[in-house]
C-alpha atoms as a PDB file:
ATOM      1  CA  UNK A   1      -3.718 -10.840 -10.334  1.00  0.00           C
ATOM      2  CA  UNK A   2      -4.269  -8.655 -13.405  1.00  0.00           C
ATOM      3  CA  UNK A   3      -7.207  -6.471 -14.518  1.00  0.00           C
ATOM      4  CA  UNK A   4      -7.453  -4.939 -17.487  1.00  0.00           C
ATOM      5  CA  UNK A   5      -5.876  -1.509 -16.400  1.00  0.00           C
ATOM      6  CA  UNK A   6      -3.361  -3.599 -14.742  1.00  0.00           C
ATOM      7  CA  UNK A   7      -2.346  -5.456 -17.899  1.00  0.00           C
ATOM      8  CA  UNK A   8      -2.258  -2.161 -19.976  1.00  0.00           C
ATOM      9  CA  UNK A   9       0.392  -0.922 -16.958  1.00  0.00           C
ATOM     10  CA  UNK A  10       2.393  -3.943 -17.646  1.00  0.00           C
ATOM     11  CA  UNK A  11       2.887  -3.742 -21.056  1.00  0.00           C
ATOM     12  CA  UNK A  12       3.918   0.068 -20.399  1.00  0.00           C
ATOM     13  CA  UNK A  13       6.514  -0.872 -17.797  1.00  0.00           C
ATOM     14  CA  UNK A  14       7.813  -3.909 -19.931  1.00  0.00           C
ATOM     15  CA  UNK A  15       8.307  -0.761 -22.784  1.00  0.00           C
ATOM     16  CA  UNK A  16      10.102   1.102 -19.976  1.00  0.00           C
ATOM     17  CA  UNK A  17       7.741   3.801 -20.648  1.00  0.00           C
ATOM     18  CA  UNK A  18       5.813   5.749 -18.051  1.00  0.00           C
ATOM     19  CA  UNK A  19       2.680   7.152 -19.733  1.00  0.00           C
ATOM     20  CA  UNK A  20       0.355   9.485 -18.116  1.00  0.00           C
ATOM     21  CA  UNK A  21      -2.962   7.053 -18.618  1.00  0.00           C
ATOM     22  CA  UNK A  22      -0.959   4.664 -17.238  1.00  0.00           C
ATOM     23  CA  UNK A  23       0.267   6.055 -13.941  1.00  0.00           C
ATOM     24  CA  UNK A  24       0.895   9.126 -12.443  1.00  0.00           C
ATOM     25  CA  UNK A  25       4.872  10.570 -11.684  1.00  0.00           C
ATOM     26  CA  UNK A  26       5.299  13.591  -9.698  1.00  0.00           C
ATOM     27  CA  UNK A  27       8.441  15.307 -10.112  1.00  0.00           C
ATOM     28  CA  UNK A  28       9.906  18.781  -9.782  1.00  0.00           C
ATOM     29  CA  UNK A  29      13.307  17.914 -10.801  1.00  0.00           C
ATOM     30  CA  UNK A  30      14.863  17.654  -7.793  1.00  0.00           C
ATOM     31  CA  UNK A  31      16.004  14.360  -6.341  1.00  0.00           C
ATOM     32  CA  UNK A  32      15.537  13.494  -2.829  1.00  0.00           C
ATOM     33  CA  UNK A  33      17.791  11.284  -0.706  1.00  0.00           C
ATOM     34  CA  UNK A  34      21.153  12.339  -2.145  1.00  0.00           C
ATOM     35  CA  UNK A  35      20.907   9.870  -5.263  1.00  0.00           C
ATOM     36  CA  UNK A  36      22.400  12.404  -7.250  1.00  0.00           C
ATOM     37  CA  UNK A  37      25.768  10.894  -6.479  1.00  0.00           C
ATOM     38  CA  UNK A  38      25.031   7.468  -7.800  1.00  0.00           C
ATOM     39  CA  UNK A  39      27.162   6.671 -10.691  1.00  0.00           C
ATOM     40  CA  UNK A  40      25.836   5.247 -14.139  1.00  0.00           C
ATOM     41  CA  UNK A  41      26.390   1.168 -14.428  1.00  0.00           C
ATOM     42  CA  UNK A  42      28.059  -0.068 -17.306  1.00  0.00           C
ATOM     43  CA  UNK A  43      27.937  -3.612 -16.462  1.00  0.00           C
ATOM     44  CA  UNK A  44      25.236  -6.169 -14.984  1.00  0.00           C
ATOM     45  CA  UNK A  45      23.041  -3.880 -12.691  1.00  0.00           C
ATOM     46  CA  UNK A  46      22.517  -5.695  -8.986  1.00  0.00           C
ATOM     47  CA  UNK A  47      19.388  -4.807  -6.930  1.00  0.00           C
ATOM     48  CA  UNK A  48      18.616  -5.847  -3.543  1.00  0.00           C
ATOM     49  CA  UNK A  49      14.676  -5.519  -2.536  1.00  0.00           C
ATOM     50  CA  UNK A  50      14.282  -5.344   1.140  1.00  0.00           C
ATOM     51  CA  UNK A  51      10.257  -6.022   2.084  1.00  0.00           C
ATOM     52  CA  UNK A  52       8.593  -5.783   5.118  1.00  0.00           C
ATOM     53  CA  UNK A  53       5.891  -8.711   5.832  1.00  0.00           C
ATOM     54  CA  UNK A  54       6.988 -10.279   3.097  1.00  0.00           C
ATOM     55  CA  UNK A  55       4.866 -13.287   3.172  1.00  0.00           C
ATOM     56  CA  UNK A  56       1.904 -11.012   2.853  1.00  0.00           C
ATOM     57  CA  UNK A  57       0.106 -11.645  -0.433  1.00  0.00           C
ATOM     58  CA  UNK A  58       0.577  -8.099  -1.404  1.00  0.00           C
ATOM     59  CA  UNK A  59       4.316  -8.343  -0.995  1.00  0.00           C
ATOM     60  CA  UNK A  60       4.594 -11.755  -2.489  1.00  0.00           C
ATOM     61  CA  UNK A  61       3.018 -10.282  -5.609  1.00  0.00           C
ATOM     62  CA  UNK A  62       5.353  -7.285  -5.584  1.00  0.00           C
ATOM     63  CA  UNK A  63       8.329  -9.639  -5.541  1.00  0.00           C
ATOM     64  CA  UNK A  64       7.294 -11.724  -8.263  1.00  0.00           C
ATOM     65  CA  UNK A  65       6.745  -8.311 -10.152  1.00  0.00           C
ATOM     66  CA  UNK A  66      10.217  -7.530  -9.282  1.00  0.00           C
ATOM     67  CA  UNK A  67      11.475 -10.460 -10.288  1.00  0.00           C
ATOM     68  CA  UNK A  68       9.934 -11.383 -13.510  1.00  0.00           C
ATOM     69  CA  UNK A  69      11.223  -7.363 -14.424  1.00  0.00           C
ATOM     70  CA  UNK A  70      14.407  -8.169 -13.617  1.00  0.00           C
ATOM     71  CA  UNK A  71      15.100 -11.222 -15.633  1.00  0.00           C
ATOM     72  CA  UNK A  72      13.356  -9.401 -18.637  1.00  0.00           C
ATOM     73  CA  UNK A  73      16.137  -6.461 -18.189  1.00  0.00           C
ATOM     74  CA  UNK A  74      18.920  -9.298 -17.367  1.00  0.00           C
ATOM     75  CA  UNK A  75      19.350  -7.639 -13.732  1.00  0.00           C
ATOM     76  CA  UNK A  76      20.671  -9.676 -10.632  1.00  0.00           C
ATOM     77  CA  UNK A  77      17.854  -9.643  -7.918  1.00  0.00           C
ATOM     78  CA  UNK A  78      17.721 -10.203  -4.501  1.00  0.00           C
ATOM     79  CA  UNK A  79      14.485 -10.136  -2.395  1.00  0.00           C
ATOM     80  CA  UNK A  80      14.663 -10.054   1.234  1.00  0.00           C
ATOM     81  CA  UNK A  81      11.654 -10.357   3.834  1.00  0.00           C
ATOM     82  CA  UNK A  82      12.437  -8.171   6.788  1.00  0.00           C
ATOM     83  CA  UNK A  83       9.071  -9.575   8.325  1.00  0.00           C
ATOM     84  CA  UNK A  84       8.580  -6.511  11.183  1.00  0.00           C
ATOM     85  CA  UNK A  85      12.021  -5.952  12.092  1.00  0.00           C
ATOM     86  CA  UNK A  86      13.191  -2.707  11.719  1.00  0.00           C
ATOM     87  CA  UNK A  87      16.568  -3.650  12.735  1.00  0.00           C
ATOM     88  CA  UNK A  88      17.000  -6.120  10.136  1.00  0.00           C
ATOM     89  CA  UNK A  89      15.957  -3.284   7.641  1.00  0.00           C
ATOM     90  CA  UNK A  90      19.323  -1.380   8.507  1.00  0.00           C
ATOM     91  CA  UNK A  91      21.727  -4.798   8.667  1.00  0.00           C
ATOM     92  CA  UNK A  92      20.248  -5.685   5.532  1.00  0.00           C
ATOM     93  CA  UNK A  93      20.817  -2.830   3.752  1.00  0.00           C
ATOM     94  CA  UNK A  94      24.457  -2.534   4.896  1.00  0.00           C
ATOM     95  CA  UNK A  95      24.533  -6.465   3.812  1.00  0.00           C
ATOM     96  CA  UNK A  96      23.583  -5.443   0.433  1.00  0.00           C
ATOM     97  CA  UNK A  97      26.395  -2.991   0.210  1.00  0.00           C
ATOM     98  CA  UNK A  98      28.844  -5.346   1.390  1.00  0.00           C
ATOM     99  CA  UNK A  99      27.589  -7.766  -1.361  1.00  0.00           C
ATOM    100  CA  UNK A 100      27.928  -4.945  -4.004  1.00  0.00           C
ATOM    101  CA  UNK A 101      24.423  -4.320  -4.927  1.00  0.00           C
ATOM    102  CA  UNK A 102      24.397  -1.138  -7.434  1.00  0.00           C
ATOM    103  CA  UNK A 103      20.719  -0.151  -5.651  1.00  0.00           C
ATOM    104  CA  UNK A 104      18.439  -0.751  -2.997  1.00  0.00           C
ATOM    105  CA  UNK A 105      14.534  -0.945  -2.908  1.00  0.00           C
ATOM    106  CA  UNK A 106      13.188  -0.752   0.461  1.00  0.00           C
ATOM    107  CA  UNK A 107       9.735  -1.124   2.183  1.00  0.00           C
ATOM    108  CA  UNK A 108      10.908  -0.376   5.883  1.00  0.00           C
ATOM    109  CA  UNK A 109       9.100  -1.876   8.557  1.00  0.00           C
ATOM    110  CA  UNK A 110       9.544   1.098  10.728  1.00  0.00           C
ATOM    111  CA  UNK A 111       9.895   4.517   8.658  1.00  0.00           C
ATOM    112  CA  UNK A 112      11.999   5.569  12.251  1.00  0.00           C
ATOM    113  CA  UNK A 113      15.032   3.558  10.631  1.00  0.00           C
ATOM    114  CA  UNK A 114      14.671   6.086   7.390  1.00  0.00           C
ATOM    115  CA  UNK A 115      17.472   8.234   8.107  1.00  0.00           C
ATOM    116  CA  UNK A 116      19.865   5.154   8.954  1.00  0.00           C
ATOM    117  CA  UNK A 117      19.034   3.701   5.918  1.00  0.00           C
ATOM    118  CA  UNK A 118      19.391   6.653   3.470  1.00  0.00           C
ATOM    119  CA  UNK A 119      22.759   7.448   5.232  1.00  0.00           C
ATOM    120  CA  UNK A 120      24.116   3.813   4.928  1.00  0.00           C
ATOM    121  CA  UNK A 121      22.828   4.310   0.898  1.00  0.00           C
ATOM    122  CA  UNK A 122      24.448   7.624   0.345  1.00  0.00           C
ATOM    123  CA  UNK A 123      28.062   6.845   2.113  1.00  0.00           C
ATOM    124  CA  UNK A 124      28.137   3.914  -0.493  1.00  0.00           C
ATOM    125  CA  UNK A 125      26.649   5.718  -3.163  1.00  0.00           C
ATOM    126  CA  UNK A 126      24.161   3.189  -3.951  1.00  0.00           C
ATOM    127  CA  UNK A 127      20.797   4.210  -5.656  1.00  0.00           C
ATOM    128  CA  UNK A 128      18.421   4.128  -2.953  1.00  0.00           C
ATOM    129  CA  UNK A 129      14.080   3.851  -3.574  1.00  0.00           C
ATOM    130  CA  UNK A 130      11.451   3.426  -1.703  1.00  0.00           C
ATOM    131  CA  UNK A 131       8.052   1.424  -2.758  1.00  0.00           C
ATOM    132  CA  UNK A 132       4.828   1.578  -0.933  1.00  0.00           C
ATOM    133  CA  UNK A 133       5.603   3.549   2.336  1.00  0.00           C
ATOM    134  CA  UNK A 134       7.644   6.654   2.504  1.00  0.00           C
ATOM    135  CA  UNK A 135      10.852   7.762   4.560  1.00  0.00           C
ATOM    136  CA  UNK A 136      12.530  10.851   5.421  1.00  0.00           C
ATOM    137  CA  UNK A 137      15.771  11.702   4.971  1.00  0.00           C
ATOM    138  CA  UNK A 138      16.557  13.805   7.777  1.00  0.00           C
ATOM    139  CA  UNK A 139      13.862  12.685  10.541  1.00  0.00           C
ATOM    140  CA  UNK A 140      12.009   9.399  11.712  1.00  0.00           C
ATOM    141  CA  UNK A 141       8.612  10.664  10.570  1.00  0.00           C
ATOM    142  CA  UNK A 142       7.826  11.112   6.938  1.00  0.00           C
ATOM    143  CA  UNK A 143       4.655  13.124   7.748  1.00  0.00           C
ATOM    144  CA  UNK A 144       6.730  15.981   9.392  1.00  0.00           C
ATOM    145  CA  UNK A 145       9.295  15.805   6.579  1.00  0.00           C
ATOM    146  CA  UNK A 146       9.543  18.388   3.995  1.00  0.00           C
ATOM    147  CA  UNK A 147       8.718  17.206   0.522  1.00  0.00           C
ATOM    148  CA  UNK A 148      12.291  17.882  -0.646  1.00  0.00           C
ATOM    149  CA  UNK A 149      13.597  15.229   1.945  1.00  0.00           C
ATOM    150  CA  UNK A 150      11.401  12.470   1.268  1.00  0.00           C
ATOM    151  CA  UNK A 151      13.267   9.671  -0.465  1.00  0.00           C
ATOM    152  CA  UNK A 152      11.524   8.898  -4.108  1.00  0.00           C
ATOM    153  CA  UNK A 153       8.827   6.421  -4.004  1.00  0.00           C
ATOM    154  CA  UNK A 154       6.683   3.600  -6.316  1.00  0.00           C
ATOM    155  CA  UNK A 155       3.687   2.423  -5.041  1.00  0.00           C
ATOM    156  CA  UNK A 156       0.098   3.770  -4.881  1.00  0.00           C
ATOM    157  CA  UNK A 157      -1.597   7.383  -4.335  1.00  0.00           C
ATOM    158  CA  UNK A 158      -2.669   7.120  -1.044  1.00  0.00           C
ATOM    159  CA  UNK A 159      -5.198   9.590  -1.429  1.00  0.00           C
ATOM    160  CA  UNK A 160      -6.375   8.206  -4.415  1.00  0.00           C
ATOM    161  CA  UNK A 161      -7.179   5.032  -2.817  1.00  0.00           C
ATOM    162  CA  UNK A 162      -8.782   6.276   0.390  1.00  0.00           C
ATOM    163  CA  UNK A 163     -11.130   8.410  -1.937  1.00  0.00           C
ATOM    164  CA  UNK A 164     -12.309   5.433  -3.948  1.00  0.00           C
ATOM    165  CA  UNK A 165     -12.870   3.669  -0.710  1.00  0.00           C
ATOM    166  CA  UNK A 166     -14.423   6.162   1.144  1.00  0.00           C
ATOM    167  CA  UNK A 167     -16.630   6.815  -2.100  1.00  0.00           C
ATOM    168  CA  UNK A 168     -17.653   3.341  -2.524  1.00  0.00           C
ATOM    169  CA  UNK A 169     -18.436   3.385   1.486  1.00  0.00           C
ATOM    170  CA  UNK A 170     -20.488   6.168   0.938  1.00  0.00           C
ATOM    171  CA  UNK A 171     -22.479   4.426  -2.057  1.00  0.00           C
ATOM    172  CA  UNK A 172     -23.218   1.563   0.374  1.00  0.00           C
ATOM    173  CA  UNK A 173     -24.552   3.214   3.071  1.00  0.00           C
ATOM    174  CA  UNK A 174     -26.514   5.140   0.986  1.00  0.00           C
ATOM    175  CA  UNK A 175     -28.077   2.132  -0.498  1.00  0.00           C
ATOM    176  CA  UNK A 176     -28.622   0.411   2.854  1.00  0.00           C
ATOM    177  CA  UNK A 177     -30.773   3.569   3.972  1.00  0.00           C
ATOM    178  CA  UNK A 178     -29.279   3.171   7.631  1.00  0.00           C
ATOM    179  CA  UNK A 179     -30.068   6.157  10.060  1.00  0.00           C
ATOM    180  CA  UNK A 180     -26.921   8.093  10.390  1.00  0.00           C
ATOM    181  CA  UNK A 181     -27.575   8.703  14.152  1.00  0.00           C
ATOM    182  CA  UNK A 182     -27.544   4.765  14.684  1.00  0.00           C
ATOM    183  CA  UNK A 183     -24.366   4.094  12.610  1.00  0.00           C
ATOM    184  CA  UNK A 184     -20.630   4.877  13.298  1.00  0.00           C
ATOM    185  CA  UNK A 185     -17.901   4.185  10.922  1.00  0.00           C
ATOM    186  CA  UNK A 186     -14.373   3.097  11.904  1.00  0.00           C
ATOM    187  CA  UNK A 187     -11.130   3.950  10.407  1.00  0.00           C
ATOM    188  CA  UNK A 188      -8.593   1.627  11.256  1.00  0.00           C
ATOM    189  CA  UNK A 189      -5.167   1.919  10.599  1.00  0.00           C
ATOM    190  CA  UNK A 190      -1.254   1.848  12.003  1.00  0.00           C
ATOM    191  CA  UNK A 191      -0.752   5.451  12.661  1.00  0.00           C
ATOM    192  CA  UNK A 192       2.545   6.240  12.610  1.00  0.00           C
ATOM    193  CA  UNK A 193       2.718   4.823   8.712  1.00  0.00           C
ATOM    194  CA  UNK A 194       2.145   7.978   6.660  1.00  0.00           C
ATOM    195  CA  UNK A 195       0.762   6.135   3.780  1.00  0.00           C
ATOM    196  CA  UNK A 196      -2.011   4.453   5.671  1.00  0.00           C
ATOM    197  CA  UNK A 197      -2.892   7.966   7.327  1.00  0.00           C
ATOM    198  CA  UNK A 198      -3.380   9.550   3.890  1.00  0.00           C
ATOM    199  CA  UNK A 199      -5.510   6.426   3.019  1.00  0.00           C
ATOM    200  CA  UNK A 200      -8.094   6.868   5.904  1.00  0.00           C
ATOM    201  CA  UNK A 201      -8.137  10.847   6.003  1.00  0.00           C
ATOM    202  CA  UNK A 202      -9.489  10.419   2.057  1.00  0.00           C
ATOM    203  CA  UNK A 203     -11.862   7.731   3.094  1.00  0.00           C
ATOM    204  CA  UNK A 204     -13.258  10.096   5.752  1.00  0.00           C
ATOM    205  CA  UNK A 205     -13.767  13.080   3.505  1.00  0.00           C
ATOM    206  CA  UNK A 206     -15.168  11.391   0.374  1.00  0.00           C
ATOM    207  CA  UNK A 207     -17.863   9.051   2.911  1.00  0.00           C
ATOM    208  CA  UNK A 208     -18.722  12.441   3.758  1.00  0.00           C
ATOM    209  CA  UNK A 209     -19.219  14.118   0.861  1.00  0.00           C
ATOM    210  CA  UNK A 210     -20.401  11.355  -0.791  1.00  0.00           C
ATOM    211  CA  UNK A 211     -23.789  10.390   1.377  1.00  0.00           C
ATOM    212  CA  UNK A 212     -22.346   9.552   4.707  1.00  0.00           C
ATOM    213  CA  UNK A 213     -22.723  13.182   5.986  1.00  0.00           C
ATOM    214  CA  UNK A 214     -23.914  13.178   9.823  1.00  0.00           C
ATOM    215  CA  UNK A 215     -22.564   9.907  10.472  1.00  0.00           C
ATOM    216  CA  UNK A 216     -19.933   9.451  13.803  1.00  0.00           C
ATOM    217  CA  UNK A 217     -16.212   8.433  12.688  1.00  0.00           C
ATOM    218  CA  UNK A 218     -13.950   6.568  15.474  1.00  0.00           C
ATOM    219  CA  UNK A 219     -10.221   6.066  14.852  1.00  0.00           C
ATOM    220  CA  UNK A 220      -8.988   2.960  15.764  1.00  0.00           C
ATOM    221  CA  UNK A 221      -5.209   2.366  16.284  1.00  0.00           C
ATOM    222  CA  UNK A 222      -3.895  -0.771  14.923  1.00  0.00           C
ATOM    223  CA  UNK A 223      -0.802  -2.824  14.041  1.00  0.00           C
ATOM    224  CA  UNK A 224      -2.645  -3.193  10.642  1.00  0.00           C
ATOM    225  CA  UNK A 225      -3.086  -7.269  11.056  1.00  0.00           C
ATOM    226  CA  UNK A 226      -6.337  -9.103  10.790  1.00  0.00           C
ATOM    227  CA  UNK A 227      -5.853  -9.971  14.805  1.00  0.00           C
ATOM    228  CA  UNK A 228      -4.737  -7.140  15.867  1.00  0.00           C
ATOM    229  CA  UNK A 229      -7.504  -4.977  14.084  1.00  0.00           C
ATOM    230  CA  UNK A 230     -10.186  -7.620  15.113  1.00  0.00           C
ATOM    231  CA  UNK A 231      -9.122  -7.181  18.954  1.00  0.00           C
ATOM    232  CA  UNK A 232      -8.981  -3.343  18.854  1.00  0.00           C
ATOM    233  CA  UNK A 233     -12.577  -2.717  16.936  1.00  0.00           C
ATOM    234  CA  UNK A 234     -14.109  -5.629  19.110  1.00  0.00           C
ATOM    235  CA  UNK A 235     -13.261  -3.153  22.023  1.00  0.00           C
ATOM    236  CA  UNK A 236     -14.578  -0.390  20.272  1.00  0.00           C
ATOM    237  CA  UNK A 237     -18.250  -2.605  19.228  1.00  0.00           C
ATOM    238  CA  UNK A 238     -18.713  -3.435  22.823  1.00  0.00           C
ATOM    239  CA  UNK A 239     -17.825   0.051  23.981  1.00  0.00           C
ATOM    240  CA  UNK A 240     -20.728   1.345  21.654  1.00  0.00           C
ATOM    241  CA  UNK A 241     -23.543  -1.172  22.306  1.00  0.00           C
ATOM    242  CA  UNK A 242     -26.549   1.441  21.191  1.00  0.00           C
ATOM    243  CA  UNK A 243     -24.964   1.318  17.407  1.00  0.00           C
ATOM    244  CA  UNK A 244     -26.785  -0.476  15.310  1.00  0.00           C
ATOM    245  CA  UNK A 245     -24.878  -0.284  11.856  1.00  0.00           C
ATOM    246  CA  UNK A 246     -21.021  -0.309  11.212  1.00  0.00           C
ATOM    247  CA  UNK A 247     -18.873   1.079   8.473  1.00  0.00           C
ATOM    248  CA  UNK A 248     -15.399   0.060   8.208  1.00  0.00           C
ATOM    249  CA  UNK A 249     -12.488   0.885   6.180  1.00  0.00           C
ATOM    250  CA  UNK A 250      -8.610   1.181   6.729  1.00  0.00           C
ATOM    251  CA  UNK A 251      -5.184   1.256   5.489  1.00  0.00           C
ATOM    252  CA  UNK A 252      -5.395  -2.279   3.922  1.00  0.00           C
ATOM    253  CA  UNK A 253      -7.737  -5.599   4.103  1.00  0.00           C
ATOM    254  CA  UNK A 254      -6.142  -6.638   6.945  1.00  0.00           C
ATOM    255  CA  UNK A 255      -7.767  -3.896   8.977  1.00  0.00           C
ATOM    256  CA  UNK A 256     -11.152  -4.591   7.321  1.00  0.00           C
ATOM    257  CA  UNK A 257     -11.171  -8.005   7.471  1.00  0.00           C
ATOM    258  CA  UNK A 258     -10.427  -7.933  11.211  1.00  0.00           C
ATOM    259  CA  UNK A 259     -13.340  -5.361  11.631  1.00  0.00           C
ATOM    260  CA  UNK A 260     -15.813  -7.581   9.619  1.00  0.00           C
ATOM    261  CA  UNK A 261     -14.765 -10.484  11.671  1.00  0.00           C
ATOM    262  CA  UNK A 262     -15.001  -8.392  15.206  1.00  0.00           C
ATOM    263  CA  UNK A 263     -18.506  -7.576  14.198  1.00  0.00           C
ATOM    264  CA  UNK A 264     -19.758 -10.933  13.330  1.00  0.00           C
ATOM    265  CA  UNK A 265     -18.261 -12.188  16.209  1.00  0.00           C
ATOM    266  CA  UNK A 266     -20.336  -9.705  18.163  1.00  0.00           C
ATOM    267  CA  UNK A 267     -23.569 -10.851  16.364  1.00  0.00           C
ATOM    268  CA  UNK A 268     -23.987  -8.207  13.793  1.00  0.00           C
ATOM    269  CA  UNK A 269     -25.474  -9.693  10.835  1.00  0.00           C
ATOM    270  CA  UNK A 270     -24.018  -9.031   7.244  1.00  0.00           C
ATOM    271  CA  UNK A 271     -26.867  -6.748   6.287  1.00  0.00           C
ATOM    272  CA  UNK A 272     -25.892  -4.283   9.180  1.00  0.00           C
ATOM    273  CA  UNK A 273     -22.330  -4.238   7.975  1.00  0.00           C
ATOM    274  CA  UNK A 274     -20.487  -2.344   5.115  1.00  0.00           C
ATOM    275  CA  UNK A 275     -16.606  -2.957   5.032  1.00  0.00           C
ATOM    276  CA  UNK A 276     -14.703  -1.432   1.951  1.00  0.00           C
ATOM    277  CA  UNK A 277     -11.319  -2.898   1.970  1.00  0.00           C
ATOM    278  CA  UNK A 278      -8.171  -1.979   0.201  1.00  0.00           C
ATOM    279  CA  UNK A 279      -6.015  -4.731  -1.722  1.00  0.00           C
ATOM    280  CA  UNK A 280      -8.739  -7.324  -2.134  1.00  0.00           C
ATOM    281  CA  UNK A 281      -6.753 -10.110  -1.395  1.00  0.00           C
ATOM    282  CA  UNK A 282      -8.427 -10.958   2.034  1.00  0.00           C
ATOM    283  CA  UNK A 283     -11.558  -9.424   1.040  1.00  0.00           C
ATOM    284  CA  UNK A 284     -12.171 -11.994  -1.450  1.00  0.00           C
ATOM    285  CA  UNK A 285     -12.144 -14.876   0.835  1.00  0.00           C
ATOM    286  CA  UNK A 286     -15.714 -13.608   1.990  1.00  0.00           C
ATOM    287  CA  UNK A 287     -17.102 -13.969  -1.673  1.00  0.00           C
ATOM    288  CA  UNK A 288     -16.022 -17.541  -2.105  1.00  0.00           C
ATOM    289  CA  UNK A 289     -19.066 -18.789  -0.896  1.00  0.00           C
ATOM    290  CA  UNK A 290     -22.599 -18.320  -0.708  1.00  0.00           C
ATOM    291  CA  UNK A 291     -22.701 -17.032   2.926  1.00  0.00           C
ATOM    292  CA  UNK A 292     -23.575 -13.229   3.173  1.00  0.00           C
ATOM    293  CA  UNK A 293     -20.766 -11.185   4.168  1.00  0.00           C
ATOM    294  CA  UNK A 294     -20.368  -7.672   5.301  1.00  0.00           C
ATOM    295  CA  UNK A 295     -17.174  -7.137   3.392  1.00  0.00           C
ATOM    296  CA  UNK A 296     -19.113  -5.361   0.510  1.00  0.00           C
ATOM    297  CA  UNK A 297     -16.343  -4.275  -1.828  1.00  0.00           C
ATOM    298  CA  UNK A 298     -12.667  -3.865  -1.975  1.00  0.00           C
ATOM    299  CA  UNK A 299      -9.971  -1.780  -4.076  1.00  0.00           C
ATOM    300  CA  UNK A 300      -7.779  -4.190  -5.989  1.00  0.00           C
ATOM    301  CA  UNK A 301      -4.172  -2.852  -5.759  1.00  0.00           C
ATOM    302  CA  UNK A 302      -1.687  -5.416  -7.742  1.00  0.00           C
ATOM    303  CA  UNK A 303       1.336  -5.770  -6.072  1.00  0.00           C
ATOM    304  CA  UNK A 304       3.270  -6.787  -9.244  1.00  0.00           C
ATOM    305  CA  UNK A 305       2.881  -3.543 -10.854  1.00  0.00           C
ATOM    306  CA  UNK A 306       4.769  -1.541  -8.490  1.00  0.00           C
ATOM    307  CA  UNK A 307       7.312  -4.635  -7.765  1.00  0.00           C
ATOM    308  CA  UNK A 308       8.205  -4.126 -11.630  1.00  0.00           C
ATOM    309  CA  UNK A 309       8.075  -0.310 -11.827  1.00  0.00           C
ATOM    310  CA  UNK A 310      10.581  -0.075  -8.930  1.00  0.00           C
ATOM    311  CA  UNK A 311      13.029  -2.277 -10.919  1.00  0.00           C
ATOM    312  CA  UNK A 312      12.562  -0.435 -13.900  1.00  0.00           C
ATOM    313  CA  UNK A 313      12.874   3.055 -12.220  1.00  0.00           C
ATOM    314  CA  UNK A 314      16.377   1.918 -10.938  1.00  0.00           C
ATOM    315  CA  UNK A 315      17.206   0.253 -14.201  1.00  0.00           C
ATOM    316  CA  UNK A 316      16.407   3.919 -15.989  1.00  0.00           C
ATOM    317  CA  UNK A 317      18.545   5.936 -13.512  1.00  0.00           C
ATOM    318  CA  UNK A 318      21.502   3.222 -13.258  1.00  0.00           C
ATOM    319  CA  UNK A 319      21.576   2.715 -17.000  1.00  0.00           C
ATOM    320  CA  UNK A 320      20.608   6.074 -18.564  1.00  0.00           C
ATOM    321  CA  UNK A 321      21.007   8.334 -16.021  1.00  0.00           C
ATOM    322  CA  UNK A 322      16.958   9.307 -15.722  1.00  0.00           C
ATOM    323  CA  UNK A 323      16.187  11.250 -12.548  1.00  0.00           C
ATOM    324  CA  UNK A 324      13.805   9.420  -9.928  1.00  0.00           C
ATOM    325  CA  UNK A 325      10.196  10.712  -9.904  1.00  0.00           C
ATOM    326  CA  UNK A 326       9.440  11.906  -6.438  1.00  0.00           C
ATOM    327  CA  UNK A 327       6.597   9.277  -6.532  1.00  0.00           C
ATOM    328  CA  UNK A 328       5.114   6.955  -9.133  1.00  0.00           C
ATOM    329  CA  UNK A 329       1.560   5.536  -8.844  1.00  0.00           C
ATOM    330  CA  UNK A 330       0.121   2.265 -10.223  1.00  0.00           C
ATOM    331  CA  UNK A 331      -3.537   2.315 -11.061  1.00  0.00           C
ATOM    332  CA  UNK A 332      -6.351   0.545  -8.858  1.00  0.00           C
ATOM    333  CA  UNK A 333      -9.691  -0.998  -9.658  1.00  0.00           C
ATOM    334  CA  UNK A 334     -12.794  -1.467  -6.926  1.00  0.00           C
ATOM    335  CA  UNK A 335     -14.138  -5.180  -7.141  1.00  0.00           C
ATOM    336  CA  UNK A 336     -16.871  -6.566  -5.347  1.00  0.00           C
ATOM    337  CA  UNK A 337     -18.849 -10.450  -5.227  1.00  0.00           C
ATOM    338  CA  UNK A 338     -20.110  -9.772  -8.691  1.00  0.00           C
ATOM    339  CA  UNK A 339     -16.240  -8.848 -10.632  1.00  0.00           C
ATOM    340  CA  UNK A 340     -13.545  -9.851  -8.468  1.00  0.00           C
ATOM    341  CA  UNK A 341     -12.568 -12.811 -10.216  1.00  0.00           C
ATOM    342  CA  UNK A 342     -12.824 -11.426 -13.751  1.00  0.00           C
ATOM    343  CA  UNK A 343     -10.543  -8.960 -12.260  1.00  0.00           C
ATOM    344  CA  UNK A 344      -7.954 -11.156 -11.587  1.00  0.00           C
ATOM    345  CA  UNK A 345      -7.840 -10.950  -7.888  1.00  0.00           C
ATOM    346  CA  UNK A 346      -5.714 -13.889  -6.440  1.00  0.00           C
ATOM    347  CA  UNK A 347      -7.069 -15.033  -2.395  1.00  0.00           C
ATOM    348  CA  UNK A 348      -4.454 -14.956  -0.182  1.00  0.00           C
END
């Protein structure tokens, strides 16, 4: 699953260095989440990685990257699949502490449990880092959280990802030559997940500035799954019978795949649909045959890099006292039917 830029990042992470050319870290020197009380570890480090939707291809890759980095560094690592159970996130955090983990990395199923997990880790003086999704130390909604109260995060830049998706969608729209009045864009995402909101907001802006001015947008609230998105988008398509062309983007590949499938089931041909995925692990399935698809492109994000970087960041903190960056970002690559195999995408 490694593209050329991703291989470069892996080499950087393996060396324990955070180079600006490979990723971007943002910090003002202040550590969120109360992790300043965490002591250095002289012996072997034990980390627990709590993941939502651990059977999803992206998170499978993330776990694999974390395990590989842990083996390289001589770290004990336990990965726990939380599914979509927010209560399990809390109980597994407590279990990790009871089992003497020195650090917890968490991808929360619901950010509302963030303050409880933060307090649990703080009371035990256990290092806490999030990957992918944000959580707040003081409230259930990271979107309304002061920057200094966000827990340090490893992942991808939502703004950068959304911008790339919207830019590509604008290019595809311009190439198609569609009438804006006969076209609609769909932004599909789970609306209480702040990183998702950042992605779709940036996609909208990039699409409008990149050739899509005059096209009306429809926001669709989903559960970030293919079937959930398919059902919601199918209802939107039915409610807009005069629309001839559709452009779909969302928080992840699941939303876009659901939208493309809904439009196909509604009788829309591939030439009247532009889907730009985010992840590429589902989008690539559409390109595995010669059948035309409305999925025109996808932004490839590699979970392996995030998992590896999260483990490296924990070790740097516990062994060397290096402060967590507020955020550290891995690179992305736009792929399509012509280049996805060469880019190293693995279909789920």
